[in-house]
C-alpha atoms as a PDB file:
ATOM      1  CA  UNK A   1     -27.557 -10.623  -0.809  1.00  0.00           C
ATOM      2  CA  UNK A   2     -26.234  -7.415  -2.380  1.00  0.00           C
ATOM      3  CA  UNK A   3     -22.712  -6.053  -2.270  1.00  0.00           C
ATOM      4  CA  UNK A   4     -22.332  -2.630  -0.691  1.00  0.00           C
ATOM      5  CA  UNK A   5     -19.405  -0.513  -1.882  1.00  0.00           C
ATOM      6  CA  UNK A   6     -18.119   1.672   0.937  1.00  0.00           C
ATOM      7  CA  UNK A   7     -18.076   5.394   0.354  1.00  0.00           C
ATOM      8  CA  UNK A   8     -15.887   8.257   1.509  1.00  0.00           C
ATOM      9  CA  UNK A   9     -16.383  12.001   1.632  1.00  0.00           C
ATOM     10  CA  UNK A  10     -13.699  14.619   1.024  1.00  0.00           C
ATOM     11  CA  UNK A  11     -11.509  14.707   4.137  1.00  0.00           C
ATOM     12  CA  UNK A  12     -12.510  11.260   5.457  1.00  0.00           C
ATOM     13  CA  UNK A  13      -9.732   9.084   6.830  1.00  0.00           C
ATOM     14  CA  UNK A  14      -9.291   5.505   5.620  1.00  0.00           C
ATOM     15  CA  UNK A  15      -7.066   2.598   6.645  1.00  0.00           C
ATOM     16  CA  UNK A  16      -4.453   1.327   4.184  1.00  0.00           C
ATOM     17  CA  UNK A  17      -3.317  -2.294   4.522  1.00  0.00           C
ATOM     18  CA  UNK A  18      -0.237  -3.364   2.535  1.00  0.00           C
ATOM     19  CA  UNK A  19      -0.123  -6.905   1.153  1.00  0.00           C
ATOM     20  CA  UNK A  20       3.140  -8.329  -0.178  1.00  0.00           C
ATOM     21  CA  UNK A  21       6.522  -6.742  -0.727  1.00  0.00           C
ATOM     22  CA  UNK A  22       8.617  -5.063   1.942  1.00  0.00           C
ATOM     23  CA  UNK A  23       5.580  -3.411   3.601  1.00  0.00           C
ATOM     24  CA  UNK A  24       3.573  -6.642   3.920  1.00  0.00           C
ATOM     25  CA  UNK A  25       1.196  -6.509   6.883  1.00  0.00           C
ATOM     26  CA  UNK A  26       1.852  -2.845   7.673  1.00  0.00           C
ATOM     27  CA  UNK A  27      -0.964  -0.325   7.899  1.00  0.00           C
ATOM     28  CA  UNK A  28      -1.248   3.396   7.343  1.00  0.00           C
ATOM     29  CA  UNK A  29      -3.925   6.072   7.511  1.00  0.00           C
ATOM     30  CA  UNK A  30      -4.703   8.278   4.516  1.00  0.00           C
ATOM     31  CA  UNK A  31      -7.077  11.173   3.959  1.00  0.00           C
ATOM     32  CA  UNK A  32      -9.446  11.181   1.004  1.00  0.00           C
ATOM     33  CA  UNK A  33      -8.798  14.296  -1.076  1.00  0.00           C
ATOM     34  CA  UNK A  34     -11.612  13.729  -3.564  1.00  0.00           C
ATOM     35  CA  UNK A  35     -14.167  11.501  -1.828  1.00  0.00           C
ATOM     36  CA  UNK A  36     -12.557   8.229  -2.941  1.00  0.00           C
ATOM     37  CA  UNK A  37      -9.504   6.132  -2.109  1.00  0.00           C
ATOM     38  CA  UNK A  38      -6.391   6.018  -4.275  1.00  0.00           C
ATOM     39  CA  UNK A  39      -6.277   3.351  -7.008  1.00  0.00           C
ATOM     40  CA  UNK A  40      -2.575   2.927  -6.309  1.00  0.00           C
ATOM     41  CA  UNK A  41      -0.010   4.259  -3.852  1.00  0.00           C
ATOM     42  CA  UNK A  42       3.761   4.640  -4.012  1.00  0.00           C
ATOM     43  CA  UNK A  43       5.591   4.230  -0.720  1.00  0.00           C
ATOM     44  CA  UNK A  44       9.166   5.226   0.100  1.00  0.00           C
ATOM     45  CA  UNK A  45      10.527   2.194   1.932  1.00  0.00           C
ATOM     46  CA  UNK A  46      13.896   1.457   3.523  1.00  0.00           C
ATOM     47  CA  UNK A  47      15.068  -2.030   2.567  1.00  0.00           C
ATOM     48  CA  UNK A  48      18.325  -3.049   4.272  1.00  0.00           C
ATOM     49  CA  UNK A  49      19.084   0.638   4.822  1.00  0.00           C
ATOM     50  CA  UNK A  50      18.523   1.603   1.179  1.00  0.00           C
ATOM     51  CA  UNK A  51      15.438   3.581   0.184  1.00  0.00           C
ATOM     52  CA  UNK A  52      13.264   2.299  -2.656  1.00  0.00           C
ATOM     53  CA  UNK A  53       9.912   3.320  -4.116  1.00  0.00           C
ATOM     54  CA  UNK A  54       7.375   0.511  -3.829  1.00  0.00           C
ATOM     55  CA  UNK A  55       4.092   0.550  -5.771  1.00  0.00           C
ATOM     56  CA  UNK A  56       0.856  -0.973  -4.493  1.00  0.00           C
ATOM     57  CA  UNK A  57      -2.487  -1.324  -6.322  1.00  0.00           C
ATOM     58  CA  UNK A  58      -5.983  -1.671  -4.821  1.00  0.00           C
ATOM     59  CA  UNK A  59      -6.904  -5.280  -4.178  1.00  0.00           C
ATOM     60  CA  UNK A  60     -10.053  -4.901  -2.042  1.00  0.00           C
ATOM     61  CA  UNK A  61     -12.145  -2.349  -0.175  1.00  0.00           C
ATOM     62  CA  UNK A  62     -14.441  -3.009   2.767  1.00  0.00           C
ATOM     63  CA  UNK A  63     -16.232  -1.168   5.539  1.00  0.00           C
ATOM     64  CA  UNK A  64     -15.124  -2.154   9.057  1.00  0.00           C
ATOM     65  CA  UNK A  65     -17.142  -0.359  11.703  1.00  0.00           C
ATOM     66  CA  UNK A  66     -17.011   3.328  10.852  1.00  0.00           C
ATOM     67  CA  UNK A  67     -13.780   3.077   8.800  1.00  0.00           C
ATOM     68  CA  UNK A  68     -13.080   2.087   5.205  1.00  0.00           C
ATOM     69  CA  UNK A  69     -10.225  -0.431   4.908  1.00  0.00           C
ATOM     70  CA  UNK A  70      -8.387  -0.562   1.569  1.00  0.00           C
ATOM     71  CA  UNK A  71      -5.978  -3.431   0.924  1.00  0.00           C
ATOM     72  CA  UNK A  72      -3.204  -2.695  -1.569  1.00  0.00           C
ATOM     73  CA  UNK A  73      -1.276  -5.490  -3.311  1.00  0.00           C
ATOM     74  CA  UNK A  74       2.449  -5.022  -4.047  1.00  0.00           C
ATOM     75  CA  UNK A  75       3.205  -4.446  -7.738  1.00  0.00           C
ATOM     76  CA  UNK A  76       6.752  -5.772  -8.021  1.00  0.00           C
ATOM     77  CA  UNK A  77       7.006  -4.970 -11.743  1.00  0.00           C
ATOM     78  CA  UNK A  78       6.223  -1.281 -11.130  1.00  0.00           C
ATOM     79  CA  UNK A  79       8.405  -0.958  -8.014  1.00  0.00           C
ATOM     80  CA  UNK A  80      12.067  -0.003  -8.008  1.00  0.00           C
ATOM     81  CA  UNK A  81      14.285  -3.060  -8.157  1.00  0.00           C
ATOM     82  CA  UNK A  82      16.064  -3.863  -4.929  1.00  0.00           C
ATOM     83  CA  UNK A  83      19.490  -5.407  -4.881  1.00  0.00           C
ATOM     84  CA  UNK A  84      19.709  -8.955  -3.621  1.00  0.00           C
ATOM     85  CA  UNK A  85      22.110  -9.040  -0.639  1.00  0.00           C
ATOM     86  CA  UNK A  86      24.136 -11.759  -2.389  1.00  0.00           C
ATOM     87  CA  UNK A  87      24.744  -9.407  -5.357  1.00  0.00           C
ATOM     88  CA  UNK A  88      25.903  -6.348  -3.419  1.00  0.00           C
ATOM     89  CA  UNK A  89      29.622  -7.040  -3.514  1.00  0.00           C
ATOM     90  CA  UNK A  90      29.988  -6.338   0.209  1.00  0.00           C
ATOM     91  CA  UNK A  91      30.192 -10.035   1.035  1.00  0.00           C
ATOM     92  CA  UNK A  92      33.636 -11.467   1.582  1.00  0.00           C
END
């Protein structure tokens, strides 16, 4: 059996699936600007009301029906650090 790498054309839409981090399990739709998917994405995310930039890197790509699904794995080291609720100083 041979592996088939999905392909995109300029302007094609693809499904983004986030794995890990604060966006775990969420999906998004993106448009291919150059006929491929992004190797990594940075997402502005609200965590406990505070916005942080979270980085995700490609983990896997597969064709599902007529759509390409790209799963991105959370890169904690490259994401902005979030403050642990116990360290915020707003606890009495």
